[in-house]
Amino acid sequence: MSSPDALSVLAAFFIFGMIWLRTRMQYARRGAGRRTLTAAGAGFFAGVALLIIAGWFIGSLLARQALSLAPLSAALVRGVWFIGVYYLSIVLNRALLARNLAVFG
């Protein structure tokens, strides 16, 4: 595995961990007791994981077509995708809360 790919894997795990932590902290502030993952939460995190995995492949394809410089460009596109997934997860979590579907119950 090349160095930019290893960096992308590390970034993907970091972003997923940040999404998990941010969501858990949000429910901790709401005063919920024991926080267990609900069915909606499992779907939420499965969707986030699928978006991150899709970003791995789409990022390399976009980098080959748009930025044919080096493997580093694929890592850059993947990193931007992962940050986009992070911000999208915030919106999705708020949408779930608005529909009274808790991620952690």
PDB file of N, CA and C in Angstrom:
ATOM      1  N   MET A   1       0.854  -1.172   0.000  1.00  0.00           N
ATOM      2  CA  MET A   1       0.000   0.000   0.000  1.00  0.00           C
ATOM      3  C   MET A   1       0.898   1.233   0.000  1.00  0.00           C
ATOM      4  N   SER A   2       0.585   2.146  -0.896  1.00  0.00           N
ATOM      5  CA  SER A   2       1.397   3.350  -0.989  1.00  0.00           C
ATOM      6  C   SER A   2       1.104   4.288   0.183  1.00  0.00           C
ATOM      7  N   SER A   3       1.984   5.225   0.374  1.00  0.00           N
ATOM      8  CA  SER A   3       1.855   6.164   1.485  1.00  0.00           C
ATOM      9  C   SER A   3       0.574   7.007   1.393  1.00  0.00           C
ATOM     10  N   PRO A   4       0.209   7.557   0.221  1.00  0.00           N
ATOM     11  CA  PRO A   4      -1.055   8.304   0.152  1.00  0.00           C
ATOM     12  C   PRO A   4      -2.288   7.437   0.428  1.00  0.00           C
ATOM     13  N   ASP A   5      -2.244   6.169   0.007  1.00  0.00           N
ATOM     14  CA  ASP A   5      -3.371   5.280   0.302  1.00  0.00           C
ATOM     15  C   ASP A   5      -3.481   5.007   1.799  1.00  0.00           C
ATOM     16  N   ALA A   6      -2.343   4.812   2.448  1.00  0.00           N
ATOM     17  CA  ALA A   6      -2.352   4.594   3.897  1.00  0.00           C
ATOM     18  C   ALA A   6      -2.882   5.825   4.620  1.00  0.00           C
ATOM     19  N   LEU A   7      -2.515   6.985   4.136  1.00  0.00           N
ATOM     20  CA  LEU A   7      -3.015   8.230   4.725  1.00  0.00           C
ATOM     21  C   LEU A   7      -4.525   8.345   4.531  1.00  0.00           C
ATOM     22  N   SER A   8      -5.019   7.912   3.384  1.00  0.00           N
ATOM     23  CA  SER A   8      -6.462   7.946   3.127  1.00  0.00           C
ATOM     24  C   SER A   8      -7.218   6.981   4.028  1.00  0.00           C
ATOM     25  N   VAL A   9      -6.655   5.810   4.268  1.00  0.00           N
ATOM     26  CA  VAL A   9      -7.284   4.848   5.178  1.00  0.00           C
ATOM     27  C   VAL A   9      -7.350   5.430   6.586  1.00  0.00           C
ATOM     28  N   LEU A  10      -6.264   6.036   7.015  1.00  0.00           N
ATOM     29  CA  LEU A  10      -6.233   6.669   8.334  1.00  0.00           C
ATOM     30  C   LEU A  10      -7.275   7.781   8.421  1.00  0.00           C
ATOM     31  N   ALA A  11      -7.387   8.581   7.369  1.00  0.00           N
ATOM     32  CA  ALA A  11      -8.378   9.663   7.345  1.00  0.00           C
ATOM     33  C   ALA A  11      -9.798   9.113   7.391  1.00  0.00           C
ATOM     34  N   ALA A  12     -10.048   8.019   6.690  1.00  0.00           N
ATOM     35  CA  ALA A  12     -11.392   7.426   6.688  1.00  0.00           C
ATOM     36  C   ALA A  12     -11.784   6.946   8.082  1.00  0.00           C
ATOM     37  N   PHE A  13     -10.868   6.259   8.754  1.00  0.00           N
ATOM     38  CA  PHE A  13     -11.160   5.799  10.119  1.00  0.00           C
ATOM     39  C   PHE A  13     -11.323   6.975  11.074  1.00  0.00           C
ATOM     40  N   PHE A  14     -10.520   8.011  10.886  1.00  0.00           N
ATOM     41  CA  PHE A  14     -10.615   9.194  11.741  1.00  0.00           C
ATOM     42  C   PHE A  14     -11.969   9.874  11.566  1.00  0.00           C
ATOM     43  N   ILE A  15     -12.408  10.045  10.322  1.00  0.00           N
ATOM     44  CA  ILE A  15     -13.691  10.700  10.065  1.00  0.00           C
ATOM     45  C   ILE A  15     -14.840   9.867  10.622  1.00  0.00           C
ATOM     46  N   PHE A  16     -14.796   8.555  10.423  1.00  0.00           N
ATOM     47  CA  PHE A  16     -15.856   7.709  10.974  1.00  0.00           C
ATOM     48  C   PHE A  16     -15.877   7.809  12.505  1.00  0.00           C
ATOM     49  N   GLY A  17     -14.714   7.806  13.115  1.00  0.00           N
ATOM     50  CA  GLY A  17     -14.635   7.957  14.568  1.00  0.00           C
ATOM     51  C   GLY A  17     -15.157   9.304  15.035  1.00  0.00           C
ATOM     52  N   MET A  18     -14.865  10.352  14.283  1.00  0.00           N
ATOM     53  CA  MET A  18     -15.363  11.680  14.652  1.00  0.00           C
ATOM     54  C   MET A  18     -16.886  11.751  14.526  1.00  0.00           C
ATOM     55  N   ILE A  19     -17.439  11.096  13.526  1.00  0.00           N
ATOM     56  CA  ILE A  19     -18.900  11.063  13.378  1.00  0.00           C
ATOM     57  C   ILE A  19     -19.515  10.315  14.554  1.00  0.00           C
ATOM     58  N   TRP A  20     -18.922   9.184  14.922  1.00  0.00           N
ATOM     59  CA  TRP A  20     -19.420   8.404  16.059  1.00  0.00           C
ATOM     60  C   TRP A  20     -19.341   9.228  17.342  1.00  0.00           C
ATOM     61  N   LEU A  21     -18.199   9.856  17.572  1.00  0.00           N
ATOM     62  CA  LEU A  21     -17.994  10.632  18.798  1.00  0.00           C
ATOM     63  C   LEU A  21     -18.927  11.833  18.857  1.00  0.00           C
ATOM     64  N   ARG A  22     -19.082  12.544  17.758  1.00  0.00           N
ATOM     65  CA  ARG A  22     -19.950  13.716  17.744  1.00  0.00           C
ATOM     66  C   ARG A  22     -21.394  13.320  18.025  1.00  0.00           C
ATOM     67  N   THR A  23     -21.826  12.224  17.449  1.00  0.00           N
ATOM     68  CA  THR A  23     -23.192  11.766  17.662  1.00  0.00           C
ATOM     69  C   THR A  23     -23.387  11.332  19.110  1.00  0.00           C
ATOM     70  N   ARG A  24     -22.430  10.595  19.662  1.00  0.00           N
ATOM     71  CA  ARG A  24     -22.542  10.164  21.072  1.00  0.00           C
ATOM     72  C   ARG A  24     -22.561  11.360  22.015  1.00  0.00           C
ATOM     73  N   MET A  25     -21.721  12.342  21.753  1.00  0.00           N
ATOM     74  CA  MET A  25     -21.678  13.521  22.622  1.00  0.00           C
ATOM     75  C   MET A  25     -22.973  14.315  22.539  1.00  0.00           C
ATOM     76  N   GLN A  26     -23.581  14.355  21.378  1.00  0.00           N
ATOM     77  CA  GLN A  26     -24.838  15.068  21.238  1.00  0.00           C
ATOM     78  C   GLN A  26     -25.932  14.417  22.081  1.00  0.00           C
ATOM     79  N   TYR A  27     -25.944  13.095  22.143  1.00  0.00           N
ATOM     80  CA  TYR A  27     -26.943  12.413  22.961  1.00  0.00           C
ATOM     81  C   TYR A  27     -26.593  12.484  24.445  1.00  0.00           C
ATOM     82  N   ALA A  28     -25.321  12.609  24.760  1.00  0.00           N
ATOM     83  CA  ALA A  28     -24.936  12.761  26.164  1.00  0.00           C
ATOM     84  C   ALA A  28     -25.422  14.096  26.701  1.00  0.00           C
ATOM     85  N   ARG A  29     -25.397  15.132  25.862  1.00  0.00           N
ATOM     86  CA  ARG A  29     -25.874  16.447  26.284  1.00  0.00           C
ATOM     87  C   ARG A  29     -27.380  16.472  26.480  1.00  0.00           C
ATOM     88  N   ARG A  30     -28.083  15.587  25.802  1.00  0.00           N
ATOM     89  CA  ARG A  30     -29.543  15.548  25.921  1.00  0.00           C
ATOM     90  C   ARG A  30     -29.991  14.862  27.197  1.00  0.00           C
ATOM     91  N   GLY A  31     -29.060  14.313  27.942  1.00  0.00           N
ATOM     92  CA  GLY A  31     -29.392  13.697  29.211  1.00  0.00           C
ATOM     93  C   GLY A  31     -29.891  12.271  29.104  1.00  0.00           C
ATOM     94  N   ALA A  32     -29.663  11.634  27.979  1.00  0.00           N
ATOM     95  CA  ALA A  32     -30.086  10.244  27.833  1.00  0.00           C
ATOM     96  C   ALA A  32     -29.260   9.368  28.772  1.00  0.00           C
ATOM     97  N   GLY A  33     -29.882   8.370  29.302  1.00  0.00           N
ATOM     98  CA  GLY A  33     -29.185   7.472  30.219  1.00  0.00           C
ATOM     99  C   GLY A  33     -28.204   6.581  29.474  1.00  0.00           C
ATOM    100  N   ARG A  34     -28.485   5.314  29.474  1.00  0.00           N
ATOM    101  CA  ARG A  34     -27.625   4.363  28.766  1.00  0.00           C
ATOM    102  C   ARG A  34     -27.833   4.532  27.267  1.00  0.00           C
ATOM    103  N   ARG A  35     -26.752   4.733  26.526  1.00  0.00           N
ATOM    104  CA  ARG A  35     -26.862   4.991  25.095  1.00  0.00           C
ATOM    105  C   ARG A  35     -26.528   3.722  24.314  1.00  0.00           C
ATOM    106  N   THR A  36     -27.563   3.130  23.721  1.00  0.00           N
ATOM    107  CA  THR A  36     -27.367   1.971  22.864  1.00  0.00           C
ATOM    108  C   THR A  36     -27.793   2.345  21.454  1.00  0.00           C
ATOM    109  N   LEU A  37     -27.200   1.699  20.492  1.00  0.00           N
ATOM    110  CA  LEU A  37     -27.481   1.980  19.096  1.00  0.00           C
ATOM    111  C   LEU A  37     -28.862   1.444  18.720  1.00  0.00           C
ATOM    112  N   THR A  38     -29.682   2.281  18.120  1.00  0.00           N
ATOM    113  CA  THR A  38     -31.017   1.874  17.677  1.00  0.00           C
ATOM    114  C   THR A  38     -30.945   1.367  16.235  1.00  0.00           C
ATOM    115  N   ALA A  39     -32.083   0.896  15.735  1.00  0.00           N
ATOM    116  CA  ALA A  39     -32.132   0.432  14.340  1.00  0.00           C
ATOM    117  C   ALA A  39     -31.873   1.594  13.387  1.00  0.00           C
ATOM    118  N   ALA A  40     -32.431   2.765  13.695  1.00  0.00           N
ATOM    119  CA  ALA A  40     -32.173   3.944  12.864  1.00  0.00           C
ATOM    120  C   ALA A  40     -30.700   4.324  12.922  1.00  0.00           C
ATOM    121  N   GLY A  41     -30.105   4.162  14.091  1.00  0.00           N
ATOM    122  CA  GLY A  41     -28.680   4.454  14.243  1.00  0.00           C
ATOM    123  C   GLY A  41     -27.802   3.495  13.465  1.00  0.00           C
ATOM    124  N   ALA A  42     -28.190   2.227  13.452  1.00  0.00           N
ATOM    125  CA  ALA A  42     -27.427   1.246  12.671  1.00  0.00           C
ATOM    126  C   ALA A  42     -27.499   1.581  11.189  1.00  0.00           C
ATOM    127  N   GLY A  43     -28.662   1.983  10.731  1.00  0.00           N
ATOM    128  CA  GLY A  43     -28.804   2.408   9.342  1.00  0.00           C
ATOM    129  C   GLY A  43     -28.011   3.666   9.044  1.00  0.00           C
ATOM    130  N   PHE A  44     -28.003   4.585  10.004  1.00  0.00           N
ATOM    131  CA  PHE A  44     -27.250   5.833   9.865  1.00  0.00           C
ATOM    132  C   PHE A  44     -25.761   5.546   9.702  1.00  0.00           C
ATOM    133  N   PHE A  45     -25.202   4.732  10.598  1.00  0.00           N
ATOM    134  CA  PHE A  45     -23.770   4.451  10.527  1.00  0.00           C
ATOM    135  C   PHE A  45     -23.417   3.536   9.356  1.00  0.00           C
ATOM    136  N   ALA A  46     -24.330   2.655   8.955  1.00  0.00           N
ATOM    137  CA  ALA A  46     -24.086   1.841   7.756  1.00  0.00           C
ATOM    138  C   ALA A  46     -24.052   2.731   6.516  1.00  0.00           C
ATOM    139  N   GLY A  47     -24.936   3.697   6.460  1.00  0.00           N
ATOM    140  CA  GLY A  47     -24.933   4.636   5.346  1.00  0.00           C
ATOM    141  C   GLY A  47     -23.678   5.479   5.303  1.00  0.00           C
ATOM    142  N   VAL A  48     -23.231   5.925   6.479  1.00  0.00           N
ATOM    143  CA  VAL A  48     -21.988   6.700   6.549  1.00  0.00           C
ATOM    144  C   VAL A  48     -20.810   5.844   6.093  1.00  0.00           C
ATOM    145  N   ALA A  49     -20.769   4.597   6.533  1.00  0.00           N
ATOM    146  CA  ALA A  49     -19.678   3.710   6.128  1.00  0.00           C
ATOM    147  C   ALA A  49     -19.696   3.471   4.627  1.00  0.00           C
ATOM    148  N   LEU A  50     -20.887   3.293   4.050  1.00  0.00           N
ATOM    149  CA  LEU A  50     -20.990   3.099   2.603  1.00  0.00           C
ATOM    150  C   LEU A  50     -20.550   4.335   1.833  1.00  0.00           C
ATOM    151  N   LEU A  51     -20.886   5.520   2.350  1.00  0.00           N
ATOM    152  CA  LEU A  51     -20.439   6.747   1.696  1.00  0.00           C
ATOM    153  C   LEU A  51     -18.917   6.890   1.756  1.00  0.00           C
ATOM    154  N   ILE A  52     -18.321   6.504   2.869  1.00  0.00           N
ATOM    155  CA  ILE A  52     -16.867   6.570   2.989  1.00  0.00           C
ATOM    156  C   ILE A  52     -16.212   5.581   2.035  1.00  0.00           C
ATOM    157  N   ILE A  53     -16.762   4.382   1.954  1.00  0.00           N
ATOM    158  CA  ILE A  53     -16.208   3.377   1.028  1.00  0.00           C
ATOM    159  C   ILE A  53     -16.387   3.836  -0.414  1.00  0.00           C
ATOM    160  N   ALA A  54     -17.545   4.408  -0.728  1.00  0.00           N
ATOM    161  CA  ALA A  54     -17.763   4.925  -2.085  1.00  0.00           C
ATOM    162  C   ALA A  54     -16.766   6.037  -2.395  1.00  0.00           C
ATOM    163  N   GLY A  55     -16.468   6.857  -1.405  1.00  0.00           N
ATOM    164  CA  GLY A  55     -15.487   7.930  -1.593  1.00  0.00           C
ATOM    165  C   GLY A  55     -14.101   7.414  -1.908  1.00  0.00           C
ATOM    166  N   TRP A  56     -13.777   6.245  -1.396  1.00  0.00           N
ATOM    167  CA  TRP A  56     -12.473   5.648  -1.686  1.00  0.00           C
ATOM    168  C   TRP A  56     -12.338   5.389  -3.193  1.00  0.00           C
ATOM    169  N   PHE A  57     -13.362   4.791  -3.774  1.00  0.00           N
ATOM    170  CA  PHE A  57     -13.312   4.451  -5.194  1.00  0.00           C
ATOM    171  C   PHE A  57     -13.586   5.655  -6.088  1.00  0.00           C
ATOM    172  N   ILE A  58     -14.565   6.452  -5.733  1.00  0.00           N
ATOM    173  CA  ILE A  58     -14.897   7.624  -6.535  1.00  0.00           C
ATOM    174  C   ILE A  58     -13.761   8.643  -6.498  1.00  0.00           C
ATOM    175  N   GLY A  59     -13.118   8.773  -5.351  1.00  0.00           N
ATOM    176  CA  GLY A  59     -12.000   9.710  -5.241  1.00  0.00           C
ATOM    177  C   GLY A  59     -10.861   9.368  -6.178  1.00  0.00           C
ATOM    178  N   SER A  60     -10.541   8.092  -6.278  1.00  0.00           N
ATOM    179  CA  SER A  60      -9.454   7.713  -7.180  1.00  0.00           C
ATOM    180  C   SER A  60      -9.860   7.888  -8.639  1.00  0.00           C
ATOM    181  N   LEU A  61     -11.130   7.615  -8.960  1.00  0.00           N
ATOM    182  CA  LEU A  61     -11.599   7.826 -10.332  1.00  0.00           C
ATOM    183  C   LEU A  61     -11.582   9.303 -10.712  1.00  0.00           C
ATOM    184  N   LEU A  62     -12.069  10.150  -9.825  1.00  0.00           N
ATOM    185  CA  LEU A  62     -12.063  11.583 -10.094  1.00  0.00           C
ATOM    186  C   LEU A  62     -10.647  12.126 -10.216  1.00  0.00           C
ATOM    187  N   ALA A  63      -9.757  11.628  -9.390  1.00  0.00           N
ATOM    188  CA  ALA A  63      -8.383  12.107  -9.444  1.00  0.00           C
ATOM    189  C   ALA A  63      -7.713  11.707 -10.750  1.00  0.00           C
ATOM    190  N   ARG A  64      -8.005  10.516 -11.248  1.00  0.00           N
ATOM    191  CA  ARG A  64      -7.425  10.079 -12.521  1.00  0.00           C
ATOM    192  C   ARG A  64      -7.947  10.900 -13.687  1.00  0.00           C
ATOM    193  N   GLN A  65      -9.219  11.282 -13.619  1.00  0.00           N
ATOM    194  CA  GLN A  65      -9.809  12.033 -14.732  1.00  0.00           C
ATOM    195  C   GLN A  65      -9.475  13.518 -14.660  1.00  0.00           C
ATOM    196  N   ALA A  66      -9.555  14.092 -13.477  1.00  0.00           N
ATOM    197  CA  ALA A  66      -9.386  15.542 -13.353  1.00  0.00           C
ATOM    198  C   ALA A  66      -7.957  15.951 -13.006  1.00  0.00           C
ATOM    199  N   LEU A  67      -7.331  15.240 -12.110  1.00  0.00           N
ATOM    200  CA  LEU A  67      -6.002  15.615 -11.639  1.00  0.00           C
ATOM    201  C   LEU A  67      -5.034  14.466 -11.862  1.00  0.00           C
ATOM    202  N   SER A  68      -4.494  14.365 -13.007  1.00  0.00           N
ATOM    203  CA  SER A  68      -3.615  13.230 -13.306  1.00  0.00           C
ATOM    204  C   SER A  68      -2.174  13.503 -12.885  1.00  0.00           C
ATOM    205  N   LEU A  69      -1.982  14.061 -11.710  1.00  0.00           N
ATOM    206  CA  LEU A  69      -0.635  14.421 -11.256  1.00  0.00           C
ATOM    207  C   LEU A  69       0.088  13.255 -10.606  1.00  0.00           C
ATOM    208  N   ALA A  70      -0.479  12.716  -9.565  1.00  0.00           N
ATOM    209  CA  ALA A  70       0.196  11.675  -8.796  1.00  0.00           C
ATOM    210  C   ALA A  70      -0.830  10.983  -7.912  1.00  0.00           C
ATOM    211  N   PRO A  71      -0.435   9.918  -7.224  1.00  0.00           N
ATOM    212  CA  PRO A  71      -1.353   9.296  -6.265  1.00  0.00           C
ATOM    213  C   PRO A  71      -1.771  10.248  -5.141  1.00  0.00           C
ATOM    214  N   LEU A  72      -0.975  11.275  -4.914  1.00  0.00           N
ATOM    215  CA  LEU A  72      -1.323  12.232  -3.871  1.00  0.00           C
ATOM    216  C   LEU A  72      -2.635  12.936  -4.199  1.00  0.00           C
ATOM    217  N   SER A  73      -2.914  13.155  -5.468  1.00  0.00           N
ATOM    218  CA  SER A  73      -4.160  13.812  -5.836  1.00  0.00           C
ATOM    219  C   SER A  73      -5.369  12.955  -5.463  1.00  0.00           C
ATOM    220  N   ALA A  74      -5.241  11.633  -5.561  1.00  0.00           N
ATOM    221  CA  ALA A  74      -6.336  10.750  -5.144  1.00  0.00           C
ATOM    222  C   ALA A  74      -6.571  10.881  -3.640  1.00  0.00           C
ATOM    223  N   ALA A  75      -5.507  10.976  -2.870  1.00  0.00           N
ATOM    224  CA  ALA A  75      -5.656  11.154  -1.425  1.00  0.00           C
ATOM    225  C   ALA A  75      -6.321  12.481  -1.102  1.00  0.00           C
ATOM    226  N   LEU A  76      -5.999  13.506  -1.868  1.00  0.00           N
ATOM    227  CA  LEU A  76      -6.618  14.812  -1.652  1.00  0.00           C
ATOM    228  C   LEU A  76      -8.111  14.776  -1.956  1.00  0.00           C
ATOM    229  N   VAL A  77      -8.481  14.175  -3.071  1.00  0.00           N
ATOM    230  CA  VAL A  77      -9.908  14.072  -3.431  1.00  0.00           C
ATOM    231  C   VAL A  77     -10.646  13.223  -2.409  1.00  0.00           C
ATOM    232  N   ARG A  78     -10.028  12.125  -1.968  1.00  0.00           N
ATOM    233  CA  ARG A  78     -10.660  11.293  -0.943  1.00  0.00           C
ATOM    234  C   ARG A  78     -10.838  12.070   0.352  1.00  0.00           C
ATOM    235  N   GLY A  79      -9.846  12.838   0.751  1.00  0.00           N
ATOM    236  CA  GLY A  79      -9.948  13.624   1.974  1.00  0.00           C
ATOM    237  C   GLY A  79     -11.073  14.635   1.913  1.00  0.00           C
ATOM    238  N   VAL A  80     -11.222  15.298   0.777  1.00  0.00           N
ATOM    239  CA  VAL A  80     -12.325  16.246   0.610  1.00  0.00           C
ATOM    240  C   VAL A  80     -13.662  15.517   0.672  1.00  0.00           C
ATOM    241  N   TRP A  81     -13.725  14.343   0.061  1.00  0.00           N
ATOM    242  CA  TRP A  81     -14.957  13.534   0.113  1.00  0.00           C
ATOM    243  C   TRP A  81     -15.285  13.164   1.561  1.00  0.00           C
ATOM    244  N   PHE A  82     -14.282  12.724   2.323  1.00  0.00           N
ATOM    245  CA  PHE A  82     -14.514  12.313   3.708  1.00  0.00           C
ATOM    246  C   PHE A  82     -15.008  13.480   4.552  1.00  0.00           C
ATOM    247  N   ILE A  83     -14.460  14.667   4.331  1.00  0.00           N
ATOM    248  CA  ILE A  83     -14.926  15.838   5.073  1.00  0.00           C
ATOM    249  C   ILE A  83     -16.364  16.167   4.685  1.00  0.00           C
ATOM    250  N   GLY A  84     -16.681  16.000   3.413  1.00  0.00           N
ATOM    251  CA  GLY A  84     -18.067  16.193   2.975  1.00  0.00           C
ATOM    252  C   GLY A  84     -19.022  15.215   3.634  1.00  0.00           C
ATOM    253  N   VAL A  85     -18.586  13.970   3.788  1.00  0.00           N
ATOM    254  CA  VAL A  85     -19.407  12.959   4.477  1.00  0.00           C
ATOM    255  C   VAL A  85     -19.615  13.366   5.935  1.00  0.00           C
ATOM    256  N   TYR A  86     -18.594  13.924   6.563  1.00  0.00           N
ATOM    257  CA  TYR A  86     -18.721  14.371   7.956  1.00  0.00           C
ATOM    258  C   TYR A  86     -19.816  15.434   8.070  1.00  0.00           C
ATOM    259  N   TYR A  87     -19.765  16.440   7.211  1.00  0.00           N
ATOM    260  CA  TYR A  87     -20.771  17.501   7.277  1.00  0.00           C
ATOM    261  C   TYR A  87     -22.159  16.992   6.882  1.00  0.00           C
ATOM    262  N   LEU A  88     -22.223  16.079   5.951  1.00  0.00           N
ATOM    263  CA  LEU A  88     -23.505  15.478   5.588  1.00  0.00           C
ATOM    264  C   LEU A  88     -24.088  14.677   6.753  1.00  0.00           C
ATOM    265  N   SER A  89     -23.229  14.021   7.528  1.00  0.00           N
ATOM    266  CA  SER A  89     -23.721  13.248   8.673  1.00  0.00           C
ATOM    267  C   SER A  89     -24.355  14.153   9.728  1.00  0.00           C
ATOM    268  N   ILE A  90     -23.861  15.368   9.855  1.00  0.00           N
ATOM    269  CA  ILE A  90     -24.463  16.317  10.799  1.00  0.00           C
ATOM    270  C   ILE A  90     -25.891  16.637  10.368  1.00  0.00           C
ATOM    271  N   VAL A  91     -26.061  16.904   9.080  1.00  0.00           N
ATOM    272  CA  VAL A  91     -27.392  17.220   8.551  1.00  0.00           C
ATOM    273  C   VAL A  91     -28.321  16.013   8.684  1.00  0.00           C
ATOM    274  N   LEU A  92     -27.819  14.831   8.358  1.00  0.00           N
ATOM    275  CA  LEU A  92     -28.645  13.625   8.462  1.00  0.00           C
ATOM    276  C   LEU A  92     -29.045  13.329   9.900  1.00  0.00           C
ATOM    277  N   ASN A  93     -28.132  13.541  10.836  1.00  0.00           N
ATOM    278  CA  ASN A  93     -28.445  13.303  12.239  1.00  0.00           C
ATOM    279  C   ASN A  93     -29.535  14.262  12.709  1.00  0.00           C
ATOM    280  N   ARG A  94     -29.438  15.518  12.309  1.00  0.00           N
ATOM    281  CA  ARG A  94     -30.472  16.485  12.695  1.00  0.00           C
ATOM    282  C   ARG A  94     -31.812  16.148  12.052  1.00  0.00           C
ATOM    283  N   ALA A  95     -31.780  15.640  10.820  1.00  0.00           N
ATOM    284  CA  ALA A  95     -33.029  15.237  10.159  1.00  0.00           C
ATOM    285  C   ALA A  95     -33.664  14.059  10.886  1.00  0.00           C
ATOM    286  N   LEU A  96     -32.843  13.119  11.333  1.00  0.00           N
ATOM    287  CA  LEU A  96     -33.375  11.991  12.102  1.00  0.00           C
ATOM    288  C   LEU A  96     -33.978  12.463  13.418  1.00  0.00           C
ATOM    289  N   LEU A  97     -33.305  13.390  14.089  1.00  0.00           N
ATOM    290  CA  LEU A  97     -33.836  13.922  15.345  1.00  0.00           C
ATOM    291  C   LEU A  97     -35.146  14.672  15.116  1.00  0.00           C
ATOM    292  N   ALA A  98     -35.269  15.380  14.011  1.00  0.00           N
ATOM    293  CA  ALA A  98     -36.494  16.111  13.707  1.00  0.00           C
ATOM    294  C   ALA A  98     -37.671  15.159  13.490  1.00  0.00           C
ATOM    295  N   ARG A  99     -37.390  13.951  13.021  1.00  0.00           N
ATOM    296  CA  ARG A  99     -38.433  12.941  12.819  1.00  0.00           C
ATOM    297  C   ARG A  99     -38.598  12.023  14.032  1.00  0.00           C
ATOM    298  N   ASN A 100     -37.976  12.375  15.139  1.00  0.00           N
ATOM    299  CA  ASN A 100     -38.010  11.595  16.378  1.00  0.00           C
ATOM    300  C   ASN A 100     -37.454  10.189  16.199  1.00  0.00           C
ATOM    301  N   LEU A 101     -36.439  10.061  15.368  1.00  0.00           N
ATOM    302  CA  LEU A 101     -35.713   8.794  15.194  1.00  0.00           C
ATOM    303  C   LEU A 101     -34.324   8.979  15.809  1.00  0.00           C
ATOM    304  N   ALA A 102     -34.148   8.420  16.968  1.00  0.00           N
ATOM    305  CA  ALA A 102     -32.877   8.600  17.658  1.00  0.00           C
ATOM    306  C   ALA A 102     -31.839   7.606  17.136  1.00  0.00           C
ATOM    307  N   VAL A 103     -30.606   8.070  17.052  1.00  0.00           N
ATOM    308  CA  VAL A 103     -29.499   7.198  16.663  1.00  0.00           C
ATOM    309  C   VAL A 103     -29.106   6.338  17.855  1.00  0.00           C
ATOM    310  N   PHE A 104     -29.050   6.951  19.013  1.00  0.00           N
ATOM    311  CA  PHE A 104     -28.779   6.230  20.254  1.00  0.00           C
ATOM    312  C   PHE A 104     -29.996   6.365  21.148  1.00  0.00           C
ATOM    313  N   GLY A 105     -30.439   5.260  21.704  1.00  0.00           N
ATOM    314  CA  GLY A 105     -31.637   5.295  22.555  1.00  0.00           C
ATOM    315  C   GLY A 105     -31.388   4.867  23.945  1.00  0.00           C
TER     316      GLY A 105
END
